[in-house]
Amino acid sequence: MQVEPYLQFDGRCEEALDFYKKAIGAQVDFLMRFGGSPEPCPPEEMPTSVADKVMHSSFRVGGTRVMASDGYCKGAPKFDGFSLAL
């Protein structure tokens, strides 16, 4: 079984992707912003001010694919533990 991690950066995903590109040679394969979603999020769930934030991205480091997002963009990123979905 192959496990693909999904990282959420609370509004700092693009910054993280740029860092991974420079630091470890990551290659971004896919990036969709909230504003480009075919089905926009309801404003009560996601304010329109986050239209330029990353809704979903996929990047590779060597042979490993990693997915990443800005998540809910609440503006208070902090190290708070881990969540794993298989």
N, C-alpha and C. Protein backbone atom coordinates (compact mmCIF):
# COMPACT_ATOMS: atom_id res chain seq x y z
N MET A 1 0.85 -1.17 0.00
CA MET A 1 0.00 0.00 0.00
C MET A 1 0.89 1.24 0.00
N GLN A 2 0.54 2.19 -0.84
CA GLN A 2 1.26 3.46 -0.90
C GLN A 2 0.50 4.51 -0.11
N VAL A 3 1.19 5.23 0.75
CA VAL A 3 0.57 6.29 1.56
C VAL A 3 1.03 7.63 1.01
N GLU A 4 0.09 8.54 0.79
CA GLU A 4 0.40 9.87 0.29
C GLU A 4 0.00 10.91 1.34
N PRO A 5 0.98 11.59 1.93
CA PRO A 5 0.66 12.59 2.95
C PRO A 5 -0.05 13.79 2.35
N TYR A 6 -0.94 14.41 3.15
CA TYR A 6 -1.66 15.62 2.76
C TYR A 6 -1.39 16.66 3.84
N LEU A 7 -0.65 17.70 3.48
CA LEU A 7 -0.26 18.73 4.43
C LEU A 7 -1.17 19.95 4.31
N GLN A 8 -1.51 20.55 5.43
CA GLN A 8 -2.34 21.77 5.42
C GLN A 8 -1.56 22.88 6.12
N PHE A 9 -1.49 24.03 5.46
CA PHE A 9 -0.61 25.11 5.90
C PHE A 9 -1.32 26.36 6.39
N ASP A 10 -2.61 26.33 6.55
CA ASP A 10 -3.38 27.44 7.12
C ASP A 10 -3.04 28.80 6.49
N GLY A 11 -3.04 28.84 5.16
CA GLY A 11 -2.82 30.10 4.47
C GLY A 11 -1.40 30.33 3.99
N ARG A 12 -0.48 29.38 4.25
CA ARG A 12 0.92 29.58 3.86
C ARG A 12 1.42 28.48 2.92
N CYS A 13 0.51 27.85 2.18
CA CYS A 13 0.87 26.73 1.31
C CYS A 13 1.81 27.14 0.19
N GLU A 14 1.51 28.23 -0.48
CA GLU A 14 2.37 28.65 -1.60
C GLU A 14 3.79 28.94 -1.12
N GLU A 15 3.90 29.55 0.04
CA GLU A 15 5.21 29.81 0.63
C GLU A 15 5.94 28.49 0.90
N ALA A 16 5.22 27.50 1.42
CA ALA A 16 5.81 26.19 1.69
C ALA A 16 6.25 25.50 0.39
N LEU A 17 5.42 25.58 -0.64
CA LEU A 17 5.78 24.97 -1.93
C LEU A 17 7.05 25.61 -2.49
N ASP A 18 7.14 26.92 -2.43
CA ASP A 18 8.35 27.61 -2.91
C ASP A 18 9.58 27.15 -2.12
N PHE A 19 9.43 27.01 -0.82
CA PHE A 19 10.54 26.54 0.02
C PHE A 19 10.95 25.13 -0.38
N TYR A 20 9.99 24.22 -0.54
CA TYR A 20 10.31 22.84 -0.90
C TYR A 20 10.97 22.76 -2.27
N LYS A 21 10.56 23.63 -3.20
CA LYS A 21 11.20 23.65 -4.53
C LYS A 21 12.68 24.00 -4.40
N LYS A 22 12.97 25.04 -3.62
CA LYS A 22 14.36 25.49 -3.47
C LYS A 22 15.19 24.55 -2.60
N ALA A 23 14.61 24.10 -1.49
CA ALA A 23 15.37 23.33 -0.51
C ALA A 23 15.60 21.87 -0.90
N ILE A 24 14.60 21.23 -1.51
CA ILE A 24 14.74 19.79 -1.79
C ILE A 24 14.37 19.41 -3.22
N GLY A 25 14.24 20.41 -4.08
CA GLY A 25 13.98 20.14 -5.50
C GLY A 25 12.60 19.60 -5.80
N ALA A 26 11.61 19.94 -4.99
CA ALA A 26 10.23 19.48 -5.23
C ALA A 26 9.73 20.02 -6.55
N GLN A 27 8.88 19.24 -7.21
CA GLN A 27 8.26 19.66 -8.47
C GLN A 27 6.75 19.67 -8.29
N VAL A 28 6.13 20.83 -8.46
CA VAL A 28 4.69 20.96 -8.31
C VAL A 28 4.03 20.44 -9.59
N ASP A 29 3.17 19.44 -9.45
CA ASP A 29 2.46 18.84 -10.58
C ASP A 29 1.08 19.44 -10.79
N PHE A 30 0.46 19.93 -9.72
CA PHE A 30 -0.91 20.43 -9.80
C PHE A 30 -1.12 21.48 -8.72
N LEU A 31 -1.83 22.55 -9.07
CA LEU A 31 -2.18 23.57 -8.09
C LEU A 31 -3.51 24.20 -8.49
N MET A 32 -4.48 24.15 -7.60
CA MET A 32 -5.78 24.79 -7.83
C MET A 32 -6.05 25.76 -6.68
N ARG A 33 -6.45 26.95 -7.03
CA ARG A 33 -6.78 27.95 -6.02
C ARG A 33 -8.28 27.92 -5.74
N PHE A 34 -8.67 28.42 -4.57
CA PHE A 34 -10.09 28.44 -4.21
C PHE A 34 -10.90 29.19 -5.26
N GLY A 35 -10.35 30.28 -5.80
CA GLY A 35 -11.05 31.08 -6.80
C GLY A 35 -11.25 30.35 -8.12
N GLY A 36 -10.49 29.30 -8.38
CA GLY A 36 -10.61 28.56 -9.62
C GLY A 36 -11.41 27.28 -9.51
N SER A 37 -12.01 27.06 -8.37
CA SER A 37 -12.78 25.83 -8.15
C SER A 37 -14.02 25.81 -9.05
N PRO A 38 -14.31 24.66 -9.68
CA PRO A 38 -15.52 24.58 -10.50
C PRO A 38 -16.81 24.72 -9.68
N GLU A 39 -16.73 24.39 -8.40
CA GLU A 39 -17.87 24.58 -7.49
C GLU A 39 -17.40 25.44 -6.32
N PRO A 40 -17.62 26.74 -6.39
CA PRO A 40 -17.15 27.62 -5.31
C PRO A 40 -17.70 27.22 -3.95
N CYS A 41 -16.86 27.42 -2.93
CA CYS A 41 -17.29 27.15 -1.56
C CYS A 41 -18.32 28.18 -1.13
N PRO A 42 -19.30 27.78 -0.34
CA PRO A 42 -20.26 28.75 0.20
C PRO A 42 -19.53 29.81 1.03
N PRO A 43 -19.90 31.09 0.90
CA PRO A 43 -19.19 32.16 1.63
C PRO A 43 -19.18 31.97 3.14
N GLU A 44 -20.20 31.30 3.69
CA GLU A 44 -20.20 31.10 5.14
C GLU A 44 -19.16 30.07 5.56
N GLU A 45 -18.68 29.25 4.63
CA GLU A 45 -17.64 28.27 4.94
C GLU A 45 -16.24 28.78 4.59
N MET A 46 -16.15 29.58 3.52
CA MET A 46 -14.86 30.06 3.06
C MET A 46 -15.05 31.46 2.50
N PRO A 47 -14.51 32.50 3.14
CA PRO A 47 -14.70 33.86 2.66
C PRO A 47 -14.05 34.08 1.29
N THR A 48 -14.60 34.98 0.50
CA THR A 48 -14.07 35.25 -0.84
C THR A 48 -12.66 35.84 -0.78
N SER A 49 -12.24 36.34 0.36
CA SER A 49 -10.90 36.92 0.49
C SER A 49 -9.79 35.89 0.34
N VAL A 50 -10.13 34.61 0.33
CA VAL A 50 -9.11 33.57 0.19
C VAL A 50 -9.07 32.99 -1.22
N ALA A 51 -9.64 33.68 -2.20
CA ALA A 51 -9.71 33.19 -3.57
C ALA A 51 -8.34 32.86 -4.15
N ASP A 52 -7.29 33.56 -3.73
CA ASP A 52 -5.96 33.31 -4.27
C ASP A 52 -5.18 32.26 -3.47
N LYS A 53 -5.77 31.72 -2.43
CA LYS A 53 -5.11 30.68 -1.63
C LYS A 53 -5.24 29.32 -2.30
N VAL A 54 -4.38 28.38 -1.89
CA VAL A 54 -4.31 27.06 -2.51
C VAL A 54 -5.37 26.13 -1.94
N MET A 55 -6.29 25.71 -2.81
CA MET A 55 -7.32 24.76 -2.41
C MET A 55 -6.75 23.34 -2.40
N HIS A 56 -5.95 23.03 -3.41
CA HIS A 56 -5.34 21.70 -3.50
C HIS A 56 -4.10 21.78 -4.37
N SER A 57 -3.07 21.07 -3.96
CA SER A 57 -1.87 20.96 -4.78
C SER A 57 -1.27 19.58 -4.60
N SER A 58 -0.47 19.21 -5.56
CA SER A 58 0.23 17.93 -5.53
C SER A 58 1.65 18.20 -6.00
N PHE A 59 2.63 17.70 -5.25
CA PHE A 59 4.02 17.88 -5.66
C PHE A 59 4.79 16.60 -5.39
N ARG A 60 5.93 16.49 -6.10
CA ARG A 60 6.76 15.30 -5.96
C ARG A 60 8.11 15.66 -5.40
N VAL A 61 8.58 14.79 -4.52
CA VAL A 61 9.95 14.86 -4.02
C VAL A 61 10.54 13.50 -4.33
N GLY A 62 11.41 13.45 -5.33
CA GLY A 62 11.89 12.15 -5.80
C GLY A 62 10.71 11.36 -6.34
N GLY A 63 10.54 10.13 -5.83
CA GLY A 63 9.42 9.30 -6.26
C GLY A 63 8.20 9.38 -5.37
N THR A 64 8.20 10.31 -4.44
CA THR A 64 7.10 10.42 -3.48
C THR A 64 6.19 11.59 -3.83
N ARG A 65 4.90 11.33 -3.87
CA ARG A 65 3.93 12.40 -4.09
C ARG A 65 3.41 12.87 -2.74
N VAL A 66 3.30 14.18 -2.60
CA VAL A 66 2.77 14.81 -1.40
C VAL A 66 1.69 15.79 -1.86
N MET A 67 0.60 15.84 -1.14
CA MET A 67 -0.48 16.79 -1.44
C MET A 67 -0.50 17.86 -0.36
N ALA A 68 -0.94 19.06 -0.74
CA ALA A 68 -0.93 20.17 0.22
C ALA A 68 -2.04 21.15 -0.09
N SER A 69 -2.43 21.91 0.94
CA SER A 69 -3.52 22.87 0.83
C SER A 69 -3.32 23.98 1.85
N ASP A 70 -4.04 25.08 1.65
CA ASP A 70 -4.08 26.13 2.66
C ASP A 70 -5.11 25.81 3.74
N GLY A 71 -5.88 24.76 3.56
CA GLY A 71 -6.88 24.39 4.55
C GLY A 71 -7.97 25.44 4.67
N TYR A 72 -8.33 25.78 5.89
CA TYR A 72 -9.41 26.75 6.11
C TYR A 72 -8.92 28.19 6.22
N CYS A 73 -7.63 28.42 6.13
CA CYS A 73 -7.05 29.77 6.13
C CYS A 73 -7.54 30.63 7.29
N LYS A 74 -7.49 30.11 8.48
CA LYS A 74 -7.97 30.87 9.64
C LYS A 74 -6.93 31.88 10.12
N GLY A 75 -5.71 31.80 9.58
CA GLY A 75 -4.70 32.80 9.90
C GLY A 75 -3.98 32.60 11.21
N ALA A 76 -4.03 31.43 11.78
CA ALA A 76 -3.34 31.18 13.04
C ALA A 76 -2.59 29.85 12.98
N PRO A 77 -1.61 29.72 12.04
CA PRO A 77 -0.90 28.44 11.95
C PRO A 77 -0.12 28.15 13.23
N LYS A 78 -0.18 26.91 13.65
CA LYS A 78 0.57 26.49 14.83
C LYS A 78 0.77 24.99 14.76
N PHE A 79 1.81 24.53 15.39
CA PHE A 79 2.06 23.11 15.45
C PHE A 79 1.13 22.54 16.52
N ASP A 80 0.22 21.68 16.09
CA ASP A 80 -0.83 21.23 17.00
C ASP A 80 -1.03 19.73 16.98
N GLY A 81 -0.12 18.99 16.37
CA GLY A 81 -0.29 17.55 16.31
C GLY A 81 -0.41 17.08 14.87
N PHE A 82 -0.90 15.88 14.70
CA PHE A 82 -0.95 15.29 13.37
C PHE A 82 -2.32 14.67 13.11
N SER A 83 -2.65 14.61 11.82
CA SER A 83 -3.85 13.91 11.38
C SER A 83 -3.42 13.04 10.23
N LEU A 84 -3.83 11.79 10.21
CA LEU A 84 -3.47 10.87 9.16
C LEU A 84 -4.71 10.24 8.57
N ALA A 85 -4.86 10.38 7.25
CA ALA A 85 -6.00 9.77 6.56
C ALA A 85 -5.47 8.77 5.54
N LEU A 86 -5.97 7.56 5.57
CA LEU A 86 -5.56 6.52 4.62
C LEU A 86 -6.74 6.15 3.75
